């Protein structure tokens, strides 16, 4: 039975990608553990670097597509302007053919940008899934919650306290599941408790110890282990910056105050830099209202996204914010390298090669069409020939030499019917 958070994601494609990325994350954490640095924050940074390097070929192709699209768009707009005031079917067909010819010339697919996004989206969702539910993919981190989880399940009222501490609707489905209520699926029940504890703050753990003294030792051991794993430059990345800021401000821990503010600020800043380094599309509308609207929307999104990133990083666990910051930094460095690589490309040569490929493809398609026409013609001749033969048989134009062969035809076959016709004609001739 699957939990909706801790249990590894089983969504089609995303689940498989998350499983693979989870193995990479677990491998990185195990290596860090072997060298004596079992740190989730450091593992997240290394994990982000590895994944972005693996995605680099796809990123280069996407940037190449963007550059070719920027060169191609003026020609597309010229074709559209040519047929702007013509809405008849012939004009629309001609426009589509000319646009297809431009796409072929540049070797660009009309659905190219959507294709790259469709490939990247499952990876991005899976990345978020792995970072958000690390115990589901890193076995050693999950082990840190034991024996506390089993003892919570065995202690009357403790499970209800854990559920109330989370105060979130996202867990309600798990707690009301028949398997959880009956307690018949041990792993499912354990995973549900770990889901809650994985999002619990330091104050939440303290509340468990206060209300259930028998669990205090287990809580201390779990918190100690998690703090070892989650401590990154003095910050517990299991807590949100908003929680850290409130606690640090109350205790006068000014370094922690700075650290708590730094994560959301760095997230917004690095994302803004990342957007600026991305190749920008030509925003000149040339009288095209749709292009102008799209350019305006893109500009607004580029301003809003860094601010949204800062807010999310302030309210969600610091580990997620660290992942976003690390991702933006890695992508920014990667973008500088890619921009230099793209700038060295001779796009005129690329366009010539694509035009030659397009011409060969069209020629091959013509040859295939000619072959299909030839086969169709041959099939028509064969059908006509068979029809003539059948007509001759029906008219008893069968030679005497072949009569003996025809006579032995199987009952109900064409030859048997031909025999019947022949016999009938012979009887009439005798009369």
Protein backbone atom coordinates (compact mmCIF):
# COMPACT_ATOMS: atom_id res chain seq x y z
CA UNK A 1 0.00 0.00 0.00
CA UNK A 2 1.40 3.39 -0.99
CA UNK A 3 1.58 6.46 1.19
CA UNK A 4 1.05 9.73 -0.66
CA UNK A 5 4.20 11.42 0.64
CA UNK A 6 6.88 9.21 2.14
CA UNK A 7 6.35 6.17 -0.04
CA UNK A 8 8.19 6.64 -3.30
CA UNK A 9 6.10 8.30 -5.98
CA UNK A 10 4.29 5.87 -8.28
CA UNK A 11 2.97 8.40 -10.82
CA UNK A 12 3.62 7.27 -14.38
CA UNK A 13 7.00 8.58 -15.68
CA UNK A 14 7.51 10.94 -12.70
CA UNK A 15 7.67 7.98 -10.34
CA UNK A 16 10.28 6.18 -12.46
CA UNK A 17 12.37 9.35 -12.86
CA UNK A 18 12.12 10.07 -9.11
CA UNK A 19 13.27 6.50 -8.34
CA UNK A 20 16.33 6.98 -10.56
CA UNK A 21 17.14 10.41 -9.10
CA UNK A 22 16.56 8.99 -5.62
CA UNK A 23 19.24 6.37 -6.28
CA UNK A 24 21.66 9.15 -7.29
CA UNK A 25 20.81 11.10 -4.14
CA UNK A 26 21.24 8.03 -1.93
CA UNK A 27 24.55 7.20 -3.60
CA UNK A 28 25.87 10.73 -2.95
CA UNK A 29 24.76 10.62 0.69
CA UNK A 30 26.38 7.20 1.22
CA UNK A 31 29.67 8.48 -0.23
CA UNK A 32 29.54 11.49 2.10
CA UNK A 33 28.81 9.15 5.00
CA UNK A 34 31.85 7.00 4.12
CA UNK A 35 34.14 10.04 4.28
CA UNK A 36 32.56 11.16 7.57
CA UNK A 37 30.35 14.03 6.26
CA UNK A 38 26.77 12.66 6.25
CA UNK A 39 25.22 16.05 5.50
CA UNK A 40 21.92 16.50 3.64
CA UNK A 41 22.71 20.12 2.69
CA UNK A 42 25.99 19.15 1.02
CA UNK A 43 24.30 16.14 -0.60
CA UNK A 44 21.62 18.45 -2.07
CA UNK A 45 24.27 20.74 -3.59
CA UNK A 46 26.22 17.82 -5.13
CA UNK A 47 22.97 16.22 -6.29
CA UNK A 48 21.95 19.47 -8.02
CA UNK A 49 25.32 19.70 -9.78
CA UNK A 50 25.16 16.08 -11.00
CA UNK A 51 21.58 16.36 -12.30
CA UNK A 52 22.26 19.64 -14.12
CA UNK A 53 25.36 18.17 -15.75
CA UNK A 54 23.30 15.18 -16.91
CA UNK A 55 20.73 17.57 -18.38
CA UNK A 56 23.33 19.77 -20.08
CA UNK A 57 23.07 18.15 -23.57
CA UNK A 58 19.31 18.78 -23.52
CA UNK A 59 19.88 22.36 -22.35
CA UNK A 60 22.34 22.99 -25.20
CA UNK A 61 19.81 21.67 -27.73
CA UNK A 62 17.14 23.90 -26.25
CA UNK A 63 19.40 26.97 -26.48
CA UNK A 64 20.32 26.07 -30.04
CA UNK A 65 16.63 25.79 -30.87
CA UNK A 66 16.02 29.25 -29.33
CA UNK A 67 18.79 30.82 -31.43
CA UNK A 68 17.50 29.25 -34.64
CA UNK A 69 13.97 30.32 -33.76
CA UNK A 70 15.14 33.91 -33.25
CA UNK A 71 16.69 33.90 -36.75
CA UNK A 72 13.65 32.20 -38.24
CA UNK A 73 10.89 34.32 -36.68
CA UNK A 74 11.27 37.33 -39.05
CA UNK A 75 10.69 35.02 -42.03
CA UNK A 76 7.65 33.45 -40.33
CA UNK A 77 6.27 36.91 -39.59
CA UNK A 78 6.84 37.94 -43.22
CA UNK A 79 4.81 34.95 -44.44
CA UNK A 80 2.04 35.74 -41.97
CA UNK A 81 1.99 39.38 -43.07
CA UNK A 82 1.77 38.27 -46.71
CA UNK A 83 -1.47 36.39 -46.06
CA UNK A 84 -2.77 38.67 -43.29
CA UNK A 85 -5.88 39.85 -45.16
CA UNK A 86 -6.58 36.59 -46.97
CA UNK A 87 -8.81 34.13 -45.12
CA UNK A 88 -9.85 31.81 -47.95
CA UNK A 89 -8.92 28.13 -47.77
CA UNK A 90 -6.41 28.26 -50.63
CA UNK A 91 -4.56 31.17 -49.03
CA UNK A 92 -4.46 29.44 -45.65
CA UNK A 93 -3.14 26.27 -47.26
CA UNK A 94 -0.46 28.22 -49.13
CA UNK A 95 0.53 30.04 -45.91
CA UNK A 96 0.90 26.76 -44.02
CA UNK A 97 3.03 25.29 -46.82
CA UNK A 98 5.35 28.34 -46.85
CA UNK A 99 5.69 28.28 -43.06
CA UNK A 100 6.49 24.56 -43.16
CA UNK A 101 9.16 25.31 -45.79
CA UNK A 102 10.74 27.90 -43.45
CA UNK A 103 10.76 25.41 -40.57
CA UNK A 104 12.37 22.82 -42.84
CA UNK A 105 14.99 25.34 -44.00
CA UNK A 106 16.12 25.98 -40.41
CA UNK A 107 15.73 22.37 -39.31
CA UNK A 108 13.32 23.39 -36.56
CA UNK A 109 10.17 21.58 -35.54
CA UNK A 110 7.05 23.67 -34.78
CA UNK A 111 6.64 21.64 -31.59
CA UNK A 112 10.33 21.76 -30.65
CA UNK A 113 10.01 24.05 -27.62
CA UNK A 114 7.05 22.03 -26.29
CA UNK A 115 9.02 18.80 -26.74
CA UNK A 116 11.98 20.07 -24.68
CA UNK A 117 9.59 21.28 -21.97
CA UNK A 118 7.75 17.94 -21.92
CA UNK A 119 11.07 16.16 -21.41
CA UNK A 120 12.17 18.51 -18.64
CA UNK A 121 8.89 18.70 -16.71
CA UNK A 122 8.94 15.12 -15.32
CA UNK A 123 12.57 15.63 -14.28
CA UNK A 124 11.76 18.88 -12.46
CA UNK A 125 8.76 17.35 -10.68
CA UNK A 126 10.82 14.30 -9.73
CA UNK A 127 13.66 16.51 -8.43
CA UNK A 128 11.23 18.38 -6.18
CA UNK A 129 9.78 15.06 -5.03
CA UNK A 130 13.19 13.67 -3.99
CA UNK A 131 14.25 16.84 -2.16
CA UNK A 132 10.89 17.23 -0.42
CA UNK A 133 10.75 13.62 0.81
CA UNK A 134 14.40 12.65 1.32
CA UNK A 135 13.65 9.83 3.84
CA UNK A 136 11.63 8.09 1.09
CA UNK A 137 14.72 7.81 -1.10
CA UNK A 138 17.68 7.84 1.31
CA UNK A 139 17.49 4.80 3.56
CA UNK A 140 20.01 6.06 6.10
CA UNK A 141 17.96 9.20 6.76
CA UNK A 142 14.81 7.12 7.18
CA UNK A 143 16.60 4.94 9.76
CA UNK A 144 17.15 8.03 11.93
CA UNK A 145 13.42 8.02 12.81
CA UNK A 146 13.61 4.59 14.43
CA UNK A 147 12.89 3.32 17.10
CA UNK A 148 10.93 6.55 17.79
CA UNK A 149 8.32 5.79 15.10
CA UNK A 150 7.57 2.28 16.39
CA UNK A 151 7.33 3.55 19.97
CA UNK A 152 4.94 6.35 18.93
CA UNK A 153 2.69 3.75 17.28
CA UNK A 154 2.73 1.62 20.47
CA UNK A 155 2.05 4.57 22.81
CA UNK A 156 -1.62 5.44 23.28
CA UNK A 157 -2.40 8.97 22.13
CA UNK A 158 1.04 9.63 20.63
CA UNK A 159 -0.08 9.07 17.05
CA UNK A 160 -2.93 11.56 17.50
CA UNK A 161 -0.49 14.14 18.89
CA UNK A 162 1.81 13.74 15.89
CA UNK A 163 -1.16 14.17 13.59
CA UNK A 164 -2.30 17.34 15.38
CA UNK A 165 1.21 18.81 15.38
CA UNK A 166 1.35 18.81 11.59
CA UNK A 167 -2.00 20.67 11.38
CA UNK A 168 -2.06 20.09 7.64
CA UNK A 169 -4.72 18.65 5.33
CA UNK A 170 -2.06 16.94 3.21
CA UNK A 171 -1.78 14.13 5.75
CA UNK A 172 -5.50 13.62 6.43
CA UNK A 173 -5.84 11.09 3.61
CA UNK A 174 -3.08 8.96 5.09
CA UNK A 175 -4.42 9.02 8.65
CA UNK A 176 -7.95 8.10 7.55
CA UNK A 177 -6.79 5.28 5.29
CA UNK A 178 -8.34 1.92 6.25
CA UNK A 179 -4.90 0.32 6.47
CA UNK A 180 -3.71 2.99 8.90
CA UNK A 181 -6.84 2.87 11.07
CA UNK A 182 -6.73 -0.93 11.30
CA UNK A 183 -2.96 -0.94 11.78
CA UNK A 184 -2.68 -3.92 9.44
CA UNK A 185 -0.07 -2.37 7.15
CA UNK A 186 2.94 -1.73 9.36
CA UNK A 187 5.11 -0.06 6.72
CA UNK A 188 2.29 2.25 5.65
CA UNK A 189 1.67 3.34 9.25
CA UNK A 190 5.41 3.90 9.79
CA UNK A 191 5.68 5.93 6.59
CA UNK A 192 2.74 8.12 7.60
CA UNK A 193 4.33 8.92 10.97
CA UNK A 194 7.69 9.66 9.29
CA UNK A 195 5.94 11.97 6.82
CA UNK A 196 4.77 14.07 9.74
CA UNK A 197 8.01 13.94 11.70
CA UNK A 198 10.02 14.81 8.59
CA UNK A 199 8.14 18.15 8.43
CA UNK A 200 8.07 18.68 12.21
CA UNK A 201 10.04 21.56 13.74
CA UNK A 202 12.31 21.43 16.77
CA UNK A 203 9.41 22.76 18.91
CA UNK A 204 7.17 19.92 17.65
CA UNK A 205 9.67 17.32 18.81
CA UNK A 206 9.95 19.08 22.16
CA UNK A 207 6.16 18.91 22.51
CA UNK A 208 6.24 15.12 21.99
CA UNK A 209 8.86 14.73 24.74
CA UNK A 210 6.87 16.97 27.10
CA UNK A 211 3.55 15.16 26.70
CA UNK A 212 5.00 11.63 26.53
CA UNK A 213 8.06 11.43 28.82
CA UNK A 214 8.51 7.76 27.94
CA UNK A 215 9.42 8.86 24.39
CA UNK A 216 11.86 11.59 25.49
CA UNK A 217 15.02 9.49 25.03
CA UNK A 218 13.95 8.33 21.56
CA UNK A 219 13.04 11.90 20.59
CA UNK A 220 16.46 13.12 21.76
CA UNK A 221 18.27 10.45 19.73
CA UNK A 222 16.22 11.15 16.59
CA UNK A 223 16.58 14.94 16.87
CA UNK A 224 20.33 14.57 17.47
CA UNK A 225 20.75 12.40 14.38
CA UNK A 226 18.60 14.65 12.21
CA UNK A 227 20.46 17.76 13.37
CA UNK A 228 23.72 16.06 12.39
CA UNK A 229 22.30 15.37 8.95
CA UNK A 230 20.49 18.71 8.55
CA UNK A 231 23.09 21.10 9.97
CA UNK A 232 24.40 23.30 7.18
CA UNK A 233 26.61 26.23 8.20
CA UNK A 234 24.84 26.39 11.56
CA UNK A 235 21.32 26.25 10.11
CA UNK A 236 18.96 23.32 10.58
CA UNK A 237 17.67 22.96 7.02
CA UNK A 238 14.78 20.86 8.29
CA UNK A 239 13.24 24.07 9.71
CA UNK A 240 11.80 26.86 7.60
CA UNK A 241 13.59 30.27 7.57
CA UNK A 242 10.41 31.82 9.04
CA UNK A 243 10.63 29.47 12.05
CA UNK A 244 14.41 29.96 12.41
CA UNK A 245 13.99 33.74 12.21
CA UNK A 246 11.34 33.76 14.94
CA UNK A 247 13.36 31.52 17.28
CA UNK A 248 16.69 33.25 16.60
CA UNK A 249 15.19 36.71 17.07
CA UNK A 250 13.71 35.68 20.42
CA UNK A 251 17.06 34.27 21.58
CA UNK A 252 19.19 37.07 20.15
CA UNK A 253 21.07 34.70 17.82
CA UNK A 254 21.82 37.32 15.17
CA UNK A 255 23.95 35.07 12.98
CA UNK A 256 21.02 32.69 12.63
CA UNK A 257 18.78 35.67 11.82
CA UNK A 258 21.12 36.59 8.96
CA UNK A 259 21.25 32.96 7.82
CA UNK A 260 17.46 32.67 7.85
CA UNK A 261 17.08 35.82 5.75
CA UNK A 262 19.95 34.89 3.43
CA UNK A 263 18.28 31.79 1.92
CA UNK A 264 15.14 33.48 0.49
CA UNK A 265 17.12 36.56 -0.56
CA UNK A 266 19.76 34.45 -2.33
CA UNK A 267 17.02 32.39 -3.97
CA UNK A 268 15.40 35.51 -5.48
CA UNK A 269 18.75 37.03 -6.48
CA UNK A 270 20.22 33.91 -8.10
CA UNK A 271 16.99 33.22 -9.98
CA UNK A 272 16.94 36.80 -11.29
CA UNK A 273 20.55 36.43 -12.47
CA UNK A 274 19.65 33.09 -14.06
CA UNK A 275 16.79 34.71 -16.00
CA UNK A 276 19.06 37.54 -17.19
CA UNK A 277 21.65 35.07 -18.47
CA UNK A 278 19.08 33.11 -20.44
CA UNK A 279 19.00 33.99 -24.16
CA UNK A 280 16.25 36.54 -24.64
CA UNK A 281 13.77 36.23 -27.49
CA UNK A 282 13.31 39.14 -29.87
CA UNK A 283 10.48 41.14 -28.26
CA UNK A 284 9.88 43.45 -31.22
CA UNK A 285 6.30 42.90 -32.28
CA UNK A 286 6.55 44.34 -35.83
CA UNK A 287 2.86 45.13 -35.62
CA UNK A 288 2.04 41.68 -34.30
CA UNK A 289 -0.27 42.20 -31.29
CA UNK A 290 0.04 38.56 -30.21
CA UNK A 291 3.85 38.75 -30.13
CA UNK A 292 3.68 41.99 -28.12
CA UNK A 293 1.30 40.42 -25.60
CA UNK A 294 3.56 37.36 -25.21
CA UNK A 295 6.62 39.57 -24.71
CA UNK A 296 4.81 41.59 -22.04
CA UNK A 297 3.67 38.43 -20.24
CA UNK A 298 7.18 36.98 -20.29
CA UNK A 299 8.63 40.20 -18.85
CA UNK A 300 6.06 40.15 -16.03
CA UNK A 301 6.79 36.49 -15.27
CA UNK A 302 10.53 37.17 -15.12
CA UNK A 303 9.85 39.81 -12.45
CA UNK A 304 7.33 37.80 -10.42
CA UNK A 305 9.13 34.43 -10.33
CA UNK A 306 12.12 35.58 -8.22
CA UNK A 307 9.72 37.17 -5.70
CA UNK A 308 7.62 34.00 -5.54
CA UNK A 309 10.79 31.98 -5.08
CA UNK A 310 11.77 34.16 -2.10
CA UNK A 311 8.37 33.68 -0.46
CA UNK A 312 8.37 29.90 -0.94
CA UNK A 313 11.90 29.63 0.44
CA UNK A 314 10.89 31.70 3.48
CA UNK A 315 7.93 29.47 4.40
CA UNK A 316 9.13 25.99 3.32
CA UNK A 317 11.99 23.96 4.89
CA UNK A 318 15.39 25.53 4.34
CA UNK A 319 16.58 22.39 2.53
CA UNK A 320 14.21 23.12 -0.33
CA UNK A 321 15.43 26.72 -0.44
CA UNK A 322 19.03 25.49 -0.48
CA UNK A 323 18.16 23.29 -3.46
CA UNK A 324 16.67 26.26 -5.35
CA UNK A 325 19.69 28.46 -4.58
CA UNK A 326 22.14 25.72 -5.57
CA UNK A 327 20.14 25.01 -8.73
CA UNK A 328 20.11 28.68 -9.78
CA UNK A 329 23.84 29.07 -9.15
CA UNK A 330 24.68 25.90 -11.09
CA UNK A 331 22.38 26.88 -13.97
CA UNK A 332 23.88 30.39 -14.07
CA UNK A 333 27.43 29.02 -14.36
CA UNK A 334 26.20 26.46 -16.85
CA UNK A 335 24.46 29.18 -18.86
CA UNK A 336 27.65 31.23 -19.14
CA UNK A 337 29.45 28.16 -20.54
CA UNK A 338 26.57 27.34 -22.91
CA UNK A 339 26.32 30.95 -24.13
CA UNK A 340 30.02 30.88 -25.06
CA UNK A 341 29.54 27.55 -26.81
CA UNK A 342 26.46 28.79 -28.69
CA UNK A 343 28.18 32.05 -29.68
CA UNK A 344 30.97 30.07 -31.36
CA UNK A 345 28.49 28.21 -33.56
CA UNK A 346 28.18 29.28 -37.20
CA UNK A 347 24.43 29.30 -37.59
CA UNK A 348 24.65 30.12 -41.30
CA UNK A 349 26.43 26.80 -41.85
CA UNK A 350 23.87 25.04 -39.65
CA UNK A 351 21.03 26.54 -41.73
CA UNK A 352 22.73 25.43 -44.98
CA UNK A 353 23.12 21.88 -43.66
CA UNK A 354 19.51 21.83 -42.52
CA UNK A 355 18.38 23.09 -45.93
CA UNK A 356 20.38 20.31 -47.65
CA UNK A 357 18.89 17.70 -45.31
CA UNK A 358 15.41 19.07 -45.98
CA UNK A 359 15.98 18.87 -49.77
CA UNK A 360 17.19 15.25 -49.49
CA UNK A 361 14.23 14.37 -47.33
CA UNK A 362 11.80 15.86 -49.86
CA UNK A 363 13.54 14.00 -52.68
CA UNK A 364 13.32 10.74 -50.76
CA UNK A 365 9.63 11.35 -50.07
CA UNK A 366 9.05 11.92 -53.80
CA UNK A 367 10.85 8.66 -54.65
CA UNK A 368 8.76 6.78 -52.12
CA UNK A 369 5.60 8.32 -53.53
CA UNK A 370 6.60 7.31 -57.06
CA UNK A 371 7.22 3.75 -55.87
CA UNK A 372 3.85 3.68 -54.16
CA UNK A 373 2.20 4.92 -57.36
CA UNK A 374 4.03 2.25 -59.37
CA UNK A 375 2.91 -0.48 -56.95
CA UNK A 376 -0.63 0.83 -57.10
CA UNK A 377 -0.52 0.73 -60.91
CA UNK A 378 0.84 -2.84 -60.91
CA UNK A 379 -1.86 -3.93 -58.46
CA UNK A 380 -4.55 -2.41 -60.70
CA UNK A 381 -3.20 -4.32 -63.73
CA UNK A 382 -3.14 -7.59 -61.78
CA UNK A 383 -6.71 -7.06 -60.64
CA UNK A 384 -7.79 -6.36 -64.24
CA UNK A 385 -5.93 -9.42 -65.49
CA UNK A 386 -7.64 -11.65 -62.93
CA UNK A 387 -10.99 -10.15 -63.86
CA UNK A 388 -10.36 -10.99 -67.55
CA UNK A 389 -9.38 -14.55 -66.71
CA UNK A 390 -12.50 -14.95 -64.58
CA UNK A 391 -14.62 -13.60 -67.43
CA UNK A 392 -13.08 -16.08 -69.87
CA UNK A 393 -13.80 -18.96 -67.50
CA UNK A 394 -17.39 -17.86 -67.00
CA UNK A 395 -17.85 -17.72 -70.79
CA UNK A 396 -16.49 -21.27 -71.13
CA UNK A 397 -13.40 -20.07 -72.92
CA UNK A 398 -11.47 -22.91 -71.37
CA UNK A 399 -9.42 -25.12 -73.63
CA UNK A 400 -10.27 -28.79 -73.99
CA UNK A 401 -6.85 -29.71 -72.64
CA UNK A 402 -7.58 -27.88 -69.41
CA UNK A 403 -11.08 -29.28 -69.07
CA UNK A 404 -9.94 -32.39 -67.26
CA UNK A 405 -8.11 -30.20 -64.71
CA UNK A 406 -11.13 -27.96 -64.32
CA UNK A 407 -13.45 -30.91 -64.01
CA UNK A 408 -11.68 -32.09 -60.87
CA UNK A 409 -12.15 -28.75 -59.15
CA UNK A 410 -13.34 -28.69 -55.54
CA UNK A 411 -17.10 -28.37 -54.98
CA UNK A 412 -18.17 -24.76 -54.55
CA UNK A 413 -14.93 -23.32 -56.03
CA UNK A 414 -14.73 -20.96 -58.97
CA UNK A 415 -13.53 -23.81 -61.17
CA UNK A 416 -16.50 -25.98 -60.12
CA UNK A 417 -18.83 -23.19 -61.14
CA UNK A 418 -16.99 -22.89 -64.45
CA UNK A 419 -17.59 -26.61 -65.02
CA UNK A 420 -21.28 -26.12 -64.43
CA UNK A 421 -21.40 -23.30 -66.95
CA UNK A 422 -19.45 -25.37 -69.47
CA UNK A 423 -21.74 -28.38 -69.02
CA UNK A 424 -24.76 -26.17 -69.48
CA UNK A 425 -23.34 -24.63 -72.67
CA UNK A 426 -22.45 -28.05 -74.08
CA UNK A 427 -25.97 -29.37 -73.51
CA UNK A 428 -27.47 -26.39 -75.27
CA UNK A 429 -25.08 -26.77 -78.20
CA UNK A 430 -26.13 -30.41 -78.66
CA UNK A 431 -29.75 -29.40 -78.84
